[in-house]
Amino acid sequence: MLTQPDSLLKYLTDASDLRLPDGHFIDGAYQAARAGRTMSSEDPGRGEGFASFARGDADDVDDAVASSRKAFAFWRKTPPAERGRILARTAELIRRDSERLAIVECLDSGKPIAEARGDVSGAARTFEYYAGACDKLEGSSFPLPSNYVGFSQLEPVGVTAHIIPWNFPISTAARGMAPALAAGCTVVVKPAELTPFTALLLAELLTEAGLPAGVCNVVTGTGTEVGAPLVAHTGIDHVTFTGSVATGGHVMRACAANVTRSVMELGGKSPVVVLNDCNFDSTVANVAGAIFEHAGQICSAGSRLVIEAGIHDRFIEALGTRAEAISLGHGLRSPDMGPVSSADQRDRIIGFLDRARGRGAEFICGGQISPDTEAGKGYFIEPTIVAARPEDDELVQEEIFGPVLTVQKADDVDHALHLANCTRFGLVAGVFTSDFARAHQLARDIDAGQVYINEYFAGGIEVPFGGNKQSGFGREKGIEGLRSYCKLKSIAARID
């Protein structure tokens, strides 16, 4: 039985102590939706609603964009060092309220409390990182003839819209909001309707840290009623979107109508390439973590195991044993793995697995719905490993976004490279080998925006993140992420 202190378990039946907001955050304060509507946020670990929030529409979006446009006039002129001090204070406040934020994230998204705590810590580090970058944005000088001076400067792009996914609400919000604010932009955030609360709480903490009213606004509601009018709004200068390829296509078309800049992170089907000479035990642990963290609901999850034939049988046996030992349960009970996000997501994943059975796929482990043994509720799916499938199989080619690992058996290194590149996605990849030269050759030749070597999810906020092919374009995190919110101006002058 999974256990957790009563101080956490009480939130399974009563979330009132969390003081969750039920309005949009516009112009420095919480406001009810113009139409007066609300909707419920569900705890996927119980399959029940636990709190309500504002259900906005285009009128609320108009209010938020107008507020951010007004605030941009003075925020862009705020000295970079002062912007940095506000972001640094925000990092301190996130750490002060870290347990509250983690509990909210756990209830809203379903992830285990330890993972939620890690996400909150990462959000604090994100604001800390960009606090230090505010006064480091520098242009370049150009080598013109001696009677000319030429240089460039980076300017904030303007009012930015941020469409936040449900799988990493506080992490994704922070990695877009912090660099945008650091660059001198204002932000309008639309969190996913499944996970609205931590974006609202971040806006509240920013205000407490000294951020002027209107610089950060958050509008909650559905994608149709809030997200669509936001990305199509003529008052938006840049859109950062994280989500599916299909929805990303709609967002890009809306951006094209107004020639609005965008960064698109559209998911992946990331390979974990395991060669015969890998560190066996460490690699087994990494492969399991790559797919079963947050029940596989990670755009960069290692959802394909591309494994060299020499260790295939022994590795799959060890990995299956590890997967079968993973405990399931409500996130507040500290399980190894929590639920998937919703009934719809659960049914979608099971649809993939049922179709695979119909094609004769062999399941190493898992593949079934498994309600929380403690309460018999929630949207749980067993950790699942499917034996080697051909490269044109649906489980290889499509993003499942669940705790499902599909094996691809490679004859040799060249074949492994081919399999790694066999999908339309190109977000991340993992490479596990003791041969340093071979690792870097694969990193060079795999078409992905980021490659991890001998540790999946290696790196942090300092490392740029984004995809190739249908995984999107543009980069978040690192200094590249900061430049996404800048426009370059070149100046040339004759001086004699």
Protein backbone atom coordinates (compact mmCIF):
# COMPACT_ATOMS: atom_id res chain seq x y z
CA MET A 1 0.00 0.00 0.00
CA LEU A 2 1.27 3.47 -0.88
CA THR A 3 1.32 5.88 2.03
CA GLN A 4 1.70 9.61 2.42
CA PRO A 5 1.36 11.97 5.40
CA ASP A 6 -2.16 13.05 6.30
CA SER A 7 -1.11 16.63 5.53
CA LEU A 8 -1.19 15.66 1.84
CA LEU A 9 -3.94 13.07 1.81
CA LYS A 10 -6.47 15.55 3.17
CA TYR A 11 -6.45 17.24 -0.25
CA LEU A 12 -8.03 14.11 -1.73
CA THR A 13 -11.32 15.22 -0.24
CA ASP A 14 -10.89 18.95 0.43
CA ALA A 15 -8.80 21.38 -1.61
CA SER A 16 -10.14 24.52 0.04
CA ASP A 17 -6.90 25.18 1.97
CA LEU A 18 -5.11 25.64 -1.37
CA ARG A 19 -7.05 28.89 -1.95
CA LEU A 20 -7.40 28.29 -5.67
CA PRO A 21 -8.41 31.26 -7.82
CA ASP A 22 -11.68 31.10 -9.74
CA GLY A 23 -11.17 34.08 -12.05
CA HIS A 24 -8.89 35.21 -14.86
CA PHE A 25 -5.81 37.23 -13.88
CA ILE A 26 -6.13 40.49 -15.82
CA ASP A 27 -4.59 43.89 -15.13
CA GLY A 28 -2.98 42.79 -11.88
CA ALA A 29 -6.02 41.16 -10.22
CA TYR A 30 -8.38 38.21 -10.42
CA GLN A 31 -11.53 38.92 -12.41
CA ALA A 32 -14.62 36.84 -13.13
CA ALA A 33 -15.29 35.89 -16.73
CA ARG A 34 -17.25 38.59 -18.57
CA ALA A 35 -20.05 36.10 -19.26
CA GLY A 36 -19.99 34.89 -15.64
CA ARG A 37 -19.34 31.27 -16.61
CA THR A 38 -17.14 28.73 -14.82
CA MET A 39 -16.01 25.18 -15.47
CA SER A 40 -14.57 22.38 -13.35
CA SER A 41 -11.03 21.05 -13.23
CA GLU A 42 -10.76 17.32 -12.72
CA ASP A 43 -8.37 15.34 -10.56
CA PRO A 44 -7.40 12.49 -12.94
CA GLY A 45 -6.24 10.37 -10.01
CA ARG A 46 -9.87 10.16 -8.84
CA GLY A 47 -11.72 11.03 -12.03
CA GLU A 48 -13.61 13.76 -10.16
CA GLY A 49 -13.74 17.53 -10.22
CA PHE A 50 -11.97 19.30 -7.37
CA ALA A 51 -12.19 23.03 -8.16
CA SER A 52 -13.84 25.47 -10.56
CA PHE A 53 -12.31 28.24 -12.65
CA ALA A 54 -13.40 30.95 -15.08
CA ARG A 55 -14.62 29.91 -18.51
CA GLY A 56 -13.58 32.80 -20.71
CA ASP A 57 -14.35 33.86 -24.24
CA ALA A 58 -13.24 36.36 -26.87
CA ASP A 59 -14.35 39.32 -24.73
CA ASP A 60 -12.01 38.26 -21.92
CA VAL A 61 -9.24 37.80 -24.47
CA ASP A 62 -9.84 41.35 -25.72
CA ASP A 63 -9.52 42.67 -22.17
CA ALA A 64 -6.28 40.79 -21.56
CA VAL A 65 -4.68 41.81 -24.85
CA ALA A 66 -5.66 45.46 -24.34
CA SER A 67 -4.14 45.36 -20.86
CA SER A 68 -0.90 43.86 -22.18
CA ARG A 69 -0.68 46.32 -25.07
CA LYS A 70 -1.01 49.23 -22.67
CA ALA A 71 1.58 47.74 -20.32
CA PHE A 72 4.06 47.08 -23.14
CA ALA A 73 4.52 50.82 -23.62
CA PHE A 74 6.26 51.11 -20.25
CA TRP A 75 7.51 47.57 -19.59
CA ARG A 76 9.74 47.62 -22.66
CA LYS A 77 11.41 50.76 -21.23
CA THR A 78 11.92 49.29 -17.75
CA PRO A 79 15.68 48.98 -17.18
CA PRO A 80 16.85 45.40 -17.81
CA ALA A 81 18.39 45.19 -14.33
CA GLU A 82 15.03 46.05 -12.76
CA ARG A 83 13.28 43.42 -14.88
CA GLY A 84 15.91 40.98 -13.62
CA ARG A 85 15.25 41.89 -9.99
CA ILE A 86 11.52 41.21 -10.41
CA LEU A 87 12.16 37.81 -12.02
CA ALA A 88 14.68 36.93 -9.29
CA ARG A 89 12.13 37.79 -6.59
CA THR A 90 9.60 35.63 -8.45
CA ALA A 91 12.00 32.68 -8.26
CA GLU A 92 12.28 33.21 -4.50
CA LEU A 93 8.49 33.34 -4.12
CA ILE A 94 8.03 30.14 -6.15
CA ARG A 95 10.43 28.43 -3.77
CA ARG A 96 8.59 29.89 -0.78
CA ASP A 97 5.28 28.49 -2.06
CA SER A 98 6.76 25.37 -3.62
CA GLU A 99 4.72 22.80 -1.67
CA ARG A 100 1.41 24.52 -2.38
CA LEU A 101 2.27 24.78 -6.07
CA ALA A 102 3.34 21.12 -6.20
CA ILE A 103 0.13 19.92 -4.57
CA VAL A 104 -1.94 21.97 -7.01
CA GLU A 105 0.06 20.60 -9.95
CA CYS A 106 -0.36 17.05 -8.64
CA LEU A 107 -4.14 17.36 -8.27
CA ASP A 108 -4.58 19.14 -11.59
CA SER A 109 -2.33 16.97 -13.80
CA GLY A 110 -2.23 13.66 -11.90
CA LYS A 111 1.55 13.35 -11.78
CA PRO A 112 3.22 11.94 -8.65
CA ILE A 113 3.99 14.57 -6.01
CA ALA A 114 7.75 14.02 -6.40
CA GLU A 115 7.53 14.85 -10.11
CA ALA A 116 5.38 17.88 -9.36
CA ARG A 117 7.92 19.11 -6.82
CA GLY A 118 10.63 18.73 -9.44
CA ASP A 119 8.58 20.76 -11.93
CA VAL A 120 8.09 23.55 -9.42
CA SER A 121 11.80 23.59 -8.63
CA GLY A 122 12.50 23.78 -12.36
CA ALA A 123 10.10 26.71 -12.74
CA ALA A 124 11.95 28.60 -10.00
CA ARG A 125 15.26 27.89 -11.71
CA THR A 126 13.80 29.14 -15.02
CA PHE A 127 12.90 32.53 -13.55
CA GLU A 128 16.28 32.64 -11.83
CA TYR A 129 18.10 31.89 -15.08
CA TYR A 130 16.32 34.55 -17.10
CA ALA A 131 16.63 37.05 -14.25
CA GLY A 132 20.37 36.85 -14.81
CA ALA A 133 19.98 37.18 -18.58
CA CYS A 134 17.93 40.39 -18.67
CA ASP A 135 20.96 42.67 -18.82
CA LYS A 136 23.03 40.35 -21.00
CA LEU A 137 21.10 40.87 -24.24
CA GLU A 138 23.64 42.43 -26.56
CA GLY A 139 23.77 43.31 -30.22
CA SER A 140 26.77 43.18 -32.57
CA SER A 141 28.94 45.66 -34.41
CA PHE A 142 29.51 45.38 -38.15
CA PRO A 143 32.94 45.68 -39.87
CA LEU A 144 32.12 48.66 -42.11
CA PRO A 145 34.61 51.16 -43.62
CA SER A 146 36.15 53.56 -41.11
CA ASN A 147 33.78 56.42 -41.96
CA TYR A 148 30.74 54.34 -40.96
CA VAL A 149 29.44 52.88 -37.74
CA GLY A 150 27.17 49.85 -37.89
CA PHE A 151 25.59 47.90 -35.08
CA SER A 152 22.51 45.87 -34.15
CA GLN A 153 20.28 45.91 -31.12
CA LEU A 154 17.71 43.46 -29.80
CA GLU A 155 14.24 44.83 -29.09
CA PRO A 156 11.25 43.12 -27.45
CA VAL A 157 8.86 41.75 -30.04
CA GLY A 158 5.75 43.05 -28.24
CA VAL A 159 2.69 41.34 -26.78
CA THR A 160 3.19 37.57 -26.68
CA ALA A 161 0.59 34.81 -26.43
CA HIS A 162 1.44 31.53 -24.70
CA ILE A 163 -0.67 28.41 -25.25
CA ILE A 164 0.24 26.06 -22.40
CA PRO A 165 -0.24 22.25 -22.59
CA TRP A 166 -1.76 20.15 -19.84
CA ASN A 167 1.17 17.78 -19.26
CA PHE A 168 3.69 20.25 -17.76
CA PRO A 169 1.60 23.30 -16.81
CA ILE A 170 3.99 25.18 -14.52
CA SER A 171 7.15 24.16 -16.38
CA THR A 172 5.90 25.16 -19.82
CA ALA A 173 4.35 28.37 -18.53
CA ALA A 174 7.62 29.37 -16.86
CA ARG A 175 9.81 28.58 -19.86
CA GLY A 176 7.73 30.92 -22.03
CA MET A 177 6.76 33.65 -19.56
CA ALA A 178 10.20 34.17 -18.02
CA PRO A 179 12.20 34.82 -21.22
CA ALA A 180 9.41 36.93 -22.71
CA LEU A 181 9.33 39.15 -19.61
CA ALA A 182 13.13 39.24 -19.51
CA ALA A 183 13.24 40.53 -23.09
CA GLY A 184 10.77 43.31 -22.27
CA CYS A 185 7.66 41.71 -23.76
CA THR A 186 4.27 41.48 -22.10
CA VAL A 187 2.44 38.16 -21.97
CA VAL A 188 -1.06 36.75 -22.26
CA VAL A 189 -1.19 33.15 -21.10
CA LYS A 190 -3.86 30.61 -21.97
CA PRO A 191 -3.36 27.47 -19.82
CA ALA A 192 -4.94 24.17 -20.80
CA GLU A 193 -8.49 23.76 -19.53
CA LEU A 194 -7.40 20.50 -17.88
CA THR A 195 -4.71 22.23 -15.80
CA PRO A 196 -5.40 25.96 -15.31
CA PHE A 197 -4.29 26.78 -11.81
CA THR A 198 -0.50 27.05 -11.63
CA ALA A 199 -0.35 29.60 -14.47
CA LEU A 200 -2.78 31.77 -12.50
CA LEU A 201 -0.71 31.35 -9.35
CA LEU A 202 2.48 32.27 -11.25
CA ALA A 203 0.86 35.53 -12.37
CA GLU A 204 -0.10 36.25 -8.77
CA LEU A 205 3.47 35.64 -7.58
CA LEU A 206 4.88 37.85 -10.34
CA THR A 207 2.65 40.66 -9.15
CA GLU A 208 3.76 40.12 -5.57
CA ALA A 209 7.35 40.30 -6.82
CA GLY A 210 6.69 43.76 -8.25
CA LEU A 211 5.57 43.11 -11.83
CA PRO A 212 3.36 46.03 -12.92
CA ALA A 213 -0.31 45.40 -13.64
CA GLY A 214 -1.00 44.29 -17.20
CA VAL A 215 2.45 42.94 -17.97
CA CYS A 216 1.24 39.37 -17.33
CA ASN A 217 -2.35 38.35 -17.94
CA VAL A 218 -3.89 34.86 -17.78
CA VAL A 219 -7.19 33.90 -19.39
CA THR A 220 -8.67 30.47 -18.70
CA GLY A 221 -11.17 28.45 -20.70
CA THR A 222 -11.34 26.13 -23.67
CA GLY A 223 -9.17 26.09 -26.74
CA THR A 224 -12.10 27.00 -28.96
CA GLU A 225 -13.41 29.86 -26.85
CA VAL A 226 -10.12 31.35 -25.59
CA GLY A 227 -7.16 29.83 -27.43
CA ALA A 228 -8.47 30.42 -30.95
CA PRO A 229 -9.40 34.10 -30.49
CA LEU A 230 -6.11 34.71 -28.68
CA VAL A 231 -3.80 33.39 -31.42
CA ALA A 232 -5.88 35.11 -34.11
CA HIS A 233 -5.94 38.45 -32.28
CA THR A 234 -4.50 41.38 -34.22
CA GLY A 235 -3.03 42.74 -30.98
CA ILE A 236 -0.71 39.74 -30.56
CA ASP A 237 2.84 40.04 -31.93
CA HIS A 238 4.13 36.52 -31.19
CA VAL A 239 2.63 33.13 -30.35
CA THR A 240 4.38 30.35 -28.44
CA PHE A 241 2.46 27.10 -28.79
CA THR A 242 3.04 23.65 -27.34
CA GLY A 243 0.68 20.87 -28.39
CA SER A 244 -0.28 18.44 -31.11
CA VAL A 245 0.64 18.67 -34.79
CA ALA A 246 -3.02 18.99 -35.77
CA THR A 247 -3.74 21.86 -33.38
CA GLY A 248 -0.40 23.45 -34.21
CA GLY A 249 -1.45 23.56 -37.85
CA HIS A 250 -4.58 25.51 -36.93
CA VAL A 251 -2.52 27.92 -34.82
CA MET A 252 -0.02 28.45 -37.64
CA ARG A 253 -2.81 29.27 -40.08
CA ALA A 254 -4.22 31.81 -37.62
CA CYS A 255 -0.76 33.33 -37.21
CA ALA A 256 -0.28 33.48 -40.98
CA ALA A 257 -3.41 35.59 -41.41
CA ASN A 258 -1.81 38.37 -39.34
CA VAL A 259 1.82 37.52 -40.18
CA THR A 260 2.37 36.81 -36.47
CA ARG A 261 5.68 35.31 -35.40
CA SER A 262 5.54 31.93 -33.69
CA VAL A 263 7.45 29.18 -31.95
CA MET A 264 5.90 25.73 -32.38
CA GLU A 265 6.68 22.69 -30.24
CA LEU A 266 4.50 19.95 -31.66
CA GLY A 267 5.43 16.71 -30.00
CA GLY A 268 7.47 13.72 -31.00
CA LYS A 269 8.04 10.02 -31.33
CA SER A 270 11.51 10.00 -29.87
CA PRO A 271 13.91 7.05 -30.28
CA VAL A 272 16.16 5.73 -27.54
CA VAL A 273 19.05 4.06 -29.36
CA VAL A 274 20.66 1.35 -27.24
CA LEU A 275 23.82 -0.31 -28.52
CA ASN A 276 25.40 -3.59 -27.44
CA ASP A 277 28.18 -1.89 -25.47
CA CYS A 278 25.96 0.29 -23.28
CA ASN A 279 26.14 0.38 -19.48
CA PHE A 280 23.41 -2.21 -19.07
CA ASP A 281 21.84 -1.44 -15.69
CA SER A 282 22.00 2.33 -16.07
CA THR A 283 20.49 2.12 -19.55
CA VAL A 284 17.58 -0.05 -18.39
CA ALA A 285 16.79 2.55 -15.73
CA ASN A 286 17.04 5.40 -18.23
CA VAL A 287 14.82 3.71 -20.81
CA ALA A 288 12.15 3.07 -18.16
CA GLY A 289 12.31 6.67 -16.94
CA ALA A 290 12.18 8.00 -20.49
CA ILE A 291 8.77 6.45 -21.14
CA PHE A 292 7.09 5.98 -17.76
CA GLU A 293 7.73 9.37 -16.16
CA HIS A 294 4.39 11.20 -15.99
CA ALA A 295 2.80 8.10 -17.52
CA GLY A 296 4.52 8.80 -20.83
CA GLN A 297 2.65 12.08 -21.30
CA ILE A 298 5.75 14.00 -22.33
CA CYS A 299 6.38 15.37 -25.81
CA SER A 300 10.02 14.28 -25.52
CA ALA A 301 9.27 10.86 -24.00
CA GLY A 302 11.47 8.04 -25.26
CA SER A 303 8.58 6.12 -26.77
CA ARG A 304 10.62 3.98 -29.19
CA LEU A 305 13.37 1.63 -28.04
CA VAL A 306 15.74 1.08 -30.96
CA ILE A 307 17.96 -1.70 -29.64
CA GLU A 308 20.87 -3.53 -31.22
CA ALA A 309 20.25 -7.24 -31.65
CA GLY A 310 23.15 -8.45 -29.50
CA ILE A 311 21.54 -7.46 -26.19
CA HIS A 312 17.90 -7.38 -27.26
CA ASP A 313 16.60 -10.44 -25.41
CA ARG A 314 18.39 -9.83 -22.10
CA PHE A 315 17.56 -6.12 -22.14
CA ILE A 316 13.85 -6.61 -22.88
CA GLU A 317 13.59 -9.17 -20.07
CA ALA A 318 15.18 -6.79 -17.55
CA LEU A 319 13.11 -3.85 -18.75
CA GLY A 320 9.88 -5.82 -18.56
CA THR A 321 10.66 -6.89 -15.00
CA ARG A 322 11.30 -3.27 -14.05
CA ALA A 323 8.07 -2.08 -15.70
CA GLU A 324 5.97 -4.71 -13.95
CA ALA A 325 7.29 -3.51 -10.58
CA ILE A 326 6.10 0.08 -11.13
CA SER A 327 3.42 1.07 -8.62
CA LEU A 328 0.32 2.97 -9.75
CA GLY A 329 -1.69 5.35 -7.63
CA HIS A 330 -2.91 8.83 -6.92
CA GLY A 331 -0.08 11.33 -7.16
CA LEU A 332 -0.45 12.43 -3.54
CA ARG A 333 0.28 8.85 -2.42
CA SER A 334 3.75 8.99 -4.00
CA PRO A 335 3.40 6.17 -6.55
CA ASP A 336 6.00 5.38 -9.17
CA MET A 337 3.49 6.37 -11.85
CA GLY A 338 0.23 8.32 -11.80
CA PRO A 339 -2.80 8.36 -14.08
CA VAL A 340 -3.18 9.70 -17.59
CA SER A 341 -4.85 13.08 -17.84
CA SER A 342 -8.47 12.25 -18.65
CA ALA A 343 -10.97 9.61 -19.65
CA ASP A 344 -10.61 10.71 -23.27
CA GLN A 345 -6.83 10.32 -23.12
CA ARG A 346 -7.15 6.89 -21.50
CA ASP A 347 -9.57 5.72 -24.17
CA ARG A 348 -7.36 7.09 -26.95
CA ILE A 349 -4.34 5.16 -25.65
CA ILE A 350 -6.32 1.96 -25.20
CA GLY A 351 -7.53 2.37 -28.78
CA PHE A 352 -3.91 2.23 -29.99
CA LEU A 353 -3.29 -0.91 -27.92
CA ASP A 354 -6.47 -2.70 -29.02
CA ARG A 355 -5.68 -2.02 -32.68
CA ALA A 356 -2.14 -3.34 -32.11
CA ARG A 357 -3.55 -6.57 -30.68
CA GLY A 358 -5.70 -6.86 -33.75
CA ARG A 359 -2.53 -6.70 -35.86
CA GLY A 360 -0.97 -9.49 -33.81
CA ALA A 361 1.38 -7.39 -31.66
CA GLU A 362 3.08 -9.16 -28.75
CA PHE A 363 2.89 -7.41 -25.38
CA ILE A 364 5.91 -7.85 -23.12
CA CYS A 365 3.93 -6.36 -20.23
CA GLY A 366 0.92 -4.15 -19.49
CA GLY A 367 -1.58 -3.02 -22.07
CA GLN A 368 -4.63 -2.81 -19.83
CA ILE A 369 -6.65 -0.25 -17.89
CA SER A 370 -5.80 -0.50 -14.19
CA PRO A 371 -7.80 1.66 -11.75
CA ASP A 372 -6.05 2.88 -8.61
CA THR A 373 -5.97 -0.14 -6.28
CA GLU A 374 -6.37 2.18 -3.27
CA ALA A 375 -9.63 3.79 -4.37
CA GLY A 376 -10.71 2.01 -7.54
CA LYS A 377 -10.93 5.33 -9.34
CA GLY A 378 -8.96 7.39 -11.79
CA TYR A 379 -7.57 7.06 -15.30
CA PHE A 380 -4.75 4.54 -15.01
CA ILE A 381 -3.06 2.41 -17.65
CA GLU A 382 -0.46 -0.25 -16.91
CA PRO A 383 3.14 0.44 -17.96
CA THR A 384 3.24 -1.19 -21.37
CA ILE A 385 6.02 -2.58 -23.58
CA VAL A 386 5.21 -3.89 -27.05
CA ALA A 387 7.66 -6.29 -28.71
CA ALA A 388 9.47 -5.40 -31.92
CA ARG A 389 7.22 -3.88 -34.56
CA PRO A 390 7.92 -3.03 -38.21
CA GLU A 391 8.81 0.57 -38.92
CA ASP A 392 5.52 1.31 -40.69
CA ASP A 393 3.44 0.14 -37.72
CA GLU A 394 1.10 2.68 -36.11
CA LEU A 395 2.79 2.21 -32.71
CA VAL A 396 6.10 3.25 -34.29
CA GLN A 397 4.81 6.16 -36.35
CA GLU A 398 2.14 7.83 -34.20
CA GLU A 399 2.48 9.78 -30.97
CA ILE A 400 0.50 7.84 -28.36
CA PHE A 401 1.23 10.13 -25.40
CA GLY A 402 0.91 7.43 -22.78
CA PRO A 403 2.95 4.78 -20.92
CA VAL A 404 3.57 2.72 -24.05
CA LEU A 405 7.05 1.76 -25.27
CA THR A 406 7.40 0.20 -28.72
CA VAL A 407 10.52 -1.86 -29.47
CA GLN A 408 12.40 -1.73 -32.79
CA LYS A 409 15.15 -4.31 -33.20
CA ALA A 410 18.27 -3.13 -35.07
CA ASP A 411 20.69 -5.42 -36.90
CA ASP A 412 23.64 -3.05 -36.39
CA VAL A 413 24.49 0.62 -35.81
CA ASP A 414 23.64 1.70 -39.35
CA HIS A 415 20.26 0.01 -39.11
CA ALA A 416 19.69 1.67 -35.71
CA LEU A 417 20.33 5.08 -37.27
CA HIS A 418 17.86 4.33 -40.04
CA LEU A 419 15.20 3.28 -37.52
CA ALA A 420 15.86 6.33 -35.35
CA ASN A 421 15.07 8.58 -38.32
CA CYS A 422 12.10 6.62 -39.67
CA THR A 423 9.26 8.86 -38.45
CA ARG A 424 8.02 12.32 -39.40
CA PHE A 425 8.98 13.63 -35.95
CA GLY A 426 12.33 15.04 -34.84
CA LEU A 427 12.11 16.38 -31.30
CA VAL A 428 14.72 14.53 -29.22
CA ALA A 429 16.63 11.25 -29.19
CA GLY A 430 18.68 9.25 -26.72
CA VAL A 431 21.90 7.36 -27.43
CA PHE A 432 23.38 4.80 -25.04
CA THR A 433 26.84 3.40 -25.78
CA SER A 434 30.30 3.24 -24.22
CA ASP A 435 31.89 4.27 -27.52
CA PHE A 436 32.26 8.06 -27.29
CA ALA A 437 33.01 8.54 -30.99
CA ARG A 438 30.06 6.41 -32.06
CA ALA A 439 27.76 8.30 -29.69
CA HIS A 440 28.69 11.60 -31.29
CA GLN A 441 28.42 10.19 -34.80
CA LEU A 442 24.85 9.13 -34.03
CA ALA A 443 24.13 12.49 -32.38
CA ARG A 444 25.35 14.17 -35.57
CA ASP A 445 23.27 12.01 -37.90
CA ILE A 446 19.98 11.65 -36.00
CA ASP A 447 17.52 14.31 -37.16
CA ALA A 448 16.35 15.77 -33.86
CA GLY A 449 16.45 19.10 -32.10
CA GLN A 450 18.22 17.65 -29.06
CA VAL A 451 20.14 14.43 -28.44
CA TYR A 452 20.83 12.96 -25.00
CA ILE A 453 23.90 10.77 -24.58
CA ASN A 454 23.95 8.18 -21.76
CA GLU A 455 21.32 10.03 -19.73
CA TYR A 456 17.79 10.66 -20.94
CA PHE A 457 16.41 14.14 -20.15
CA ALA A 458 19.97 15.38 -19.55
CA GLY A 459 20.44 19.13 -19.33
CA GLY A 460 18.21 21.87 -17.97
CA ILE A 461 16.98 25.37 -18.64
CA GLU A 462 20.39 26.28 -20.05
CA VAL A 463 19.98 23.90 -23.03
CA PRO A 464 17.87 25.06 -26.01
CA PHE A 465 14.86 22.85 -26.71
CA GLY A 466 12.72 22.42 -29.82
CA GLY A 467 12.06 20.15 -32.75
CA ASN A 468 12.77 19.44 -36.39
CA LYS A 469 10.43 18.06 -39.05
CA GLN A 470 6.84 17.85 -37.77
CA SER A 471 8.00 18.35 -34.20
CA GLY A 472 7.94 22.06 -34.94
CA PHE A 473 10.35 24.95 -35.20
CA GLY A 474 11.94 27.62 -33.04
CA ARG A 475 13.68 27.08 -29.73
CA GLU A 476 12.78 27.54 -26.10
CA LYS A 477 15.09 27.54 -23.07
CA GLY A 478 18.63 28.86 -22.98
CA ILE A 479 19.69 32.12 -24.56
CA GLU A 480 18.12 30.96 -27.83
CA GLY A 481 14.78 30.94 -26.01
CA LEU A 482 15.35 34.54 -24.95
CA ARG A 483 16.12 35.58 -28.52
CA SER A 484 12.78 34.11 -29.62
CA TYR A 485 11.14 37.11 -27.95
CA CYS A 486 13.40 39.69 -29.58
CA LYS A 487 13.49 41.36 -32.96
CA LEU A 488 16.78 42.47 -34.45
CA LYS A 489 17.29 46.05 -35.58
CA SER A 490 20.36 47.03 -37.61
CA ILE A 491 21.66 50.60 -37.58
CA ALA A 492 24.28 52.05 -39.93
CA ALA A 493 25.54 55.63 -39.84
CA ARG A 494 28.03 57.66 -41.82
CA ILE A 495 30.18 59.64 -39.37
CA ASP A 496 32.27 61.77 -41.76
